[in-house]
């Protein structure tokens, strides 16, 4: 699968998570809950068949696949 298989809303969430370096900050930017952002990222990861973000104490950083999907 490619990023063309993602919905526009999933792509917006991925871009927000990448630019804000985290799910909570992306949620604030998009006017969503953190849970909704997390759900959208998981759905995108299932469609793409790979992990798109590394989650940790310092926020979320895109994997190579995540960077390609956002780019």
N, C-alpha and C. Protein backbone atom coordinates (compact mmCIF):
# COMPACT_ATOMS: atom_id res chain seq x y z
N UNK A 1 0.83 -1.19 0.00
CA UNK A 1 0.00 0.00 0.00
C UNK A 1 0.87 1.25 0.00
N UNK A 2 0.31 2.31 -0.49
CA UNK A 2 1.00 3.58 -0.52
C UNK A 2 0.17 4.64 0.18
N UNK A 3 0.75 5.82 0.33
CA UNK A 3 0.00 6.88 1.00
C UNK A 3 -1.22 7.29 0.20
N UNK A 4 -1.31 6.95 -1.09
CA UNK A 4 -2.50 7.22 -1.87
C UNK A 4 -3.70 6.41 -1.37
N UNK A 5 -3.44 5.32 -0.64
CA UNK A 5 -4.50 4.48 -0.10
C UNK A 5 -5.08 5.05 1.20
N UNK A 6 -4.46 6.08 1.73
CA UNK A 6 -4.93 6.69 2.97
C UNK A 6 -5.98 7.74 2.66
N UNK A 7 -6.90 7.94 3.59
CA UNK A 7 -7.91 8.97 3.42
C UNK A 7 -7.28 10.34 3.63
N UNK A 8 -7.89 11.39 3.10
CA UNK A 8 -7.36 12.74 3.36
C UNK A 8 -7.27 13.05 4.85
N UNK A 9 -8.24 12.60 5.63
CA UNK A 9 -8.17 12.89 7.08
C UNK A 9 -7.02 12.14 7.74
N UNK A 10 -6.75 10.91 7.31
CA UNK A 10 -5.60 10.18 7.86
C UNK A 10 -4.30 10.88 7.49
N UNK A 11 -4.19 11.36 6.27
CA UNK A 11 -2.99 12.08 5.86
C UNK A 11 -2.80 13.36 6.67
N UNK A 12 -3.90 14.09 6.91
CA UNK A 12 -3.81 15.32 7.72
C UNK A 12 -3.30 15.00 9.12
N UNK A 13 -3.79 13.89 9.69
CA UNK A 13 -3.34 13.50 11.03
C UNK A 13 -1.86 13.16 11.00
N UNK A 14 -1.41 12.39 10.02
CA UNK A 14 0.00 12.02 9.94
C UNK A 14 0.89 13.26 9.81
N UNK A 15 0.48 14.20 8.99
CA UNK A 15 1.26 15.43 8.82
C UNK A 15 1.31 16.21 10.13
N UNK A 16 0.19 16.29 10.83
CA UNK A 16 0.15 17.02 12.11
C UNK A 16 1.02 16.34 13.15
N UNK A 17 0.97 15.01 13.24
CA UNK A 17 1.80 14.29 14.21
C UNK A 17 3.27 14.52 13.89
N UNK A 18 3.63 14.45 12.62
CA UNK A 18 5.03 14.66 12.23
C UNK A 18 5.48 16.09 12.53
N UNK A 19 4.66 17.06 12.20
CA UNK A 19 5.09 18.46 12.38
C UNK A 19 5.09 18.88 13.85
N UNK A 20 4.20 18.30 14.65
CA UNK A 20 4.11 18.66 16.07
C UNK A 20 4.89 17.70 16.97
N UNK A 21 5.42 16.64 16.38
CA UNK A 21 6.25 15.65 17.11
C UNK A 21 5.49 14.98 18.26
N UNK A 22 4.18 14.83 18.09
CA UNK A 22 3.43 14.15 19.13
C UNK A 22 1.95 14.08 18.82
N UNK A 23 1.31 13.12 19.45
CA UNK A 23 -0.11 12.88 19.23
C UNK A 23 -0.97 13.94 19.92
N UNK A 24 -0.61 14.32 21.14
CA UNK A 24 -1.41 15.31 21.88
C UNK A 24 -1.37 16.67 21.21
N UNK A 25 -0.19 17.12 20.81
CA UNK A 25 -0.07 18.41 20.14
C UNK A 25 -0.79 18.39 18.79
N UNK A 26 -0.72 17.28 18.09
CA UNK A 26 -1.43 17.15 16.82
C UNK A 26 -2.94 17.22 17.06
N UNK A 27 -3.39 16.60 18.12
CA UNK A 27 -4.82 16.63 18.45
C UNK A 27 -5.29 18.06 18.69
N UNK A 28 -4.51 18.83 19.43
CA UNK A 28 -4.86 20.23 19.69
C UNK A 28 -4.93 20.99 18.38
N UNK A 29 -3.93 20.81 17.52
CA UNK A 29 -3.89 21.51 16.23
C UNK A 29 -5.11 21.18 15.38
N UNK A 30 -5.52 19.91 15.40
CA UNK A 30 -6.61 19.46 14.53
C UNK A 30 -7.99 19.59 15.17
N UNK A 31 -8.03 19.93 16.46
CA UNK A 31 -9.31 20.01 17.15
C UNK A 31 -9.92 18.64 17.41
N UNK A 32 -9.06 17.65 17.62
CA UNK A 32 -9.48 16.28 17.89
C UNK A 32 -9.02 15.86 19.28
N UNK A 33 -9.47 14.71 19.71
CA UNK A 33 -8.95 14.14 20.95
C UNK A 33 -7.66 13.40 20.63
N UNK A 34 -6.85 13.19 21.64
CA UNK A 34 -5.62 12.41 21.46
C UNK A 34 -5.98 11.00 21.01
N UNK A 35 -7.08 10.48 21.54
CA UNK A 35 -7.53 9.14 21.19
C UNK A 35 -7.89 9.04 19.70
N UNK A 36 -8.54 10.06 19.17
CA UNK A 36 -8.90 10.07 17.75
C UNK A 36 -7.65 10.10 16.87
N UNK A 37 -6.65 10.87 17.28
CA UNK A 37 -5.40 10.92 16.53
C UNK A 37 -4.71 9.56 16.57
N UNK A 38 -4.66 8.97 17.74
CA UNK A 38 -4.04 7.66 17.90
C UNK A 38 -4.77 6.62 17.03
N UNK A 39 -6.08 6.66 17.02
CA UNK A 39 -6.87 5.73 16.22
C UNK A 39 -6.58 5.91 14.73
N UNK A 40 -6.49 7.16 14.27
CA UNK A 40 -6.20 7.43 12.87
C UNK A 40 -4.82 6.93 12.47
N UNK A 41 -3.84 7.13 13.35
CA UNK A 41 -2.48 6.65 13.06
C UNK A 41 -2.47 5.13 13.01
N UNK A 42 -3.13 4.48 13.95
CA UNK A 42 -3.19 3.01 13.93
C UNK A 42 -3.86 2.50 12.65
N UNK A 43 -4.93 3.16 12.22
CA UNK A 43 -5.62 2.76 10.99
C UNK A 43 -4.68 2.90 9.79
N UNK A 44 -3.95 4.01 9.74
CA UNK A 44 -2.99 4.22 8.65
C UNK A 44 -1.89 3.16 8.69
N UNK A 45 -1.42 2.84 9.88
CA UNK A 45 -0.38 1.81 10.01
C UNK A 45 -0.89 0.45 9.55
N UNK A 46 -2.14 0.14 9.86
CA UNK A 46 -2.71 -1.14 9.39
C UNK A 46 -2.79 -1.15 7.86
N UNK A 47 -3.25 -0.05 7.28
CA UNK A 47 -3.35 0.02 5.82
C UNK A 47 -1.99 -0.09 5.16
N UNK A 48 -1.00 0.57 5.74
CA UNK A 48 0.34 0.58 5.16
C UNK A 48 1.12 -0.69 5.50
N UNK A 49 0.69 -1.39 6.54
CA UNK A 49 1.37 -2.62 6.93
C UNK A 49 2.70 -2.40 7.61
N UNK A 50 2.87 -1.23 8.23
CA UNK A 50 4.14 -0.92 8.89
C UNK A 50 3.94 0.14 9.96
N UNK A 51 4.90 0.25 10.85
CA UNK A 51 4.88 1.28 11.88
C UNK A 51 5.29 2.61 11.23
N UNK A 52 4.51 3.65 11.45
CA UNK A 52 4.78 4.94 10.85
C UNK A 52 5.46 5.91 11.80
N UNK A 53 5.27 5.72 13.12
CA UNK A 53 5.88 6.60 14.12
C UNK A 53 6.44 5.77 15.26
N UNK A 54 7.59 6.19 15.75
CA UNK A 54 8.17 5.65 16.98
C UNK A 54 7.67 6.54 18.10
N UNK A 55 7.01 5.94 19.06
CA UNK A 55 6.46 6.68 20.18
C UNK A 55 7.38 6.54 21.38
N UNK A 56 7.56 7.63 22.10
CA UNK A 56 8.41 7.58 23.27
C UNK A 56 8.19 8.79 24.16
N UNK A 57 9.02 8.89 25.19
CA UNK A 57 8.91 10.01 26.13
C UNK A 57 9.07 11.36 25.46
N UNK A 58 9.85 11.39 24.40
CA UNK A 58 10.11 12.65 23.71
C UNK A 58 9.16 12.89 22.54
N UNK A 59 8.03 12.21 22.54
CA UNK A 59 7.03 12.42 21.50
C UNK A 59 7.06 11.33 20.45
N UNK A 60 6.59 11.67 19.27
CA UNK A 60 6.50 10.72 18.17
C UNK A 60 7.41 11.19 17.04
N UNK A 61 8.21 10.29 16.55
CA UNK A 61 9.12 10.57 15.44
C UNK A 61 8.79 9.62 14.30
N UNK A 62 8.74 10.11 13.07
CA UNK A 62 8.41 9.22 11.95
C UNK A 62 9.52 8.20 11.68
N UNK A 63 9.10 7.00 11.35
CA UNK A 63 10.02 6.00 10.82
C UNK A 63 10.28 6.37 9.37
N UNK A 64 11.12 5.62 8.69
CA UNK A 64 11.35 5.88 7.27
C UNK A 64 10.04 5.78 6.49
N UNK A 65 9.22 4.79 6.82
CA UNK A 65 7.92 4.64 6.17
C UNK A 65 7.00 5.81 6.49
N UNK A 66 7.06 6.28 7.74
CA UNK A 66 6.25 7.42 8.14
C UNK A 66 6.64 8.68 7.41
N UNK A 67 7.95 8.90 7.27
CA UNK A 67 8.43 10.07 6.55
C UNK A 67 8.00 10.01 5.09
N UNK A 68 8.04 8.82 4.50
CA UNK A 68 7.62 8.67 3.10
C UNK A 68 6.11 8.92 2.96
N UNK A 69 5.33 8.45 3.91
CA UNK A 69 3.89 8.65 3.85
C UNK A 69 3.53 10.13 3.99
N UNK A 70 4.22 10.83 4.87
CA UNK A 70 3.96 12.25 5.08
C UNK A 70 4.46 13.07 3.89
N UNK A 71 5.61 12.68 3.36
CA UNK A 71 6.23 13.43 2.27
C UNK A 71 5.46 13.34 1.01
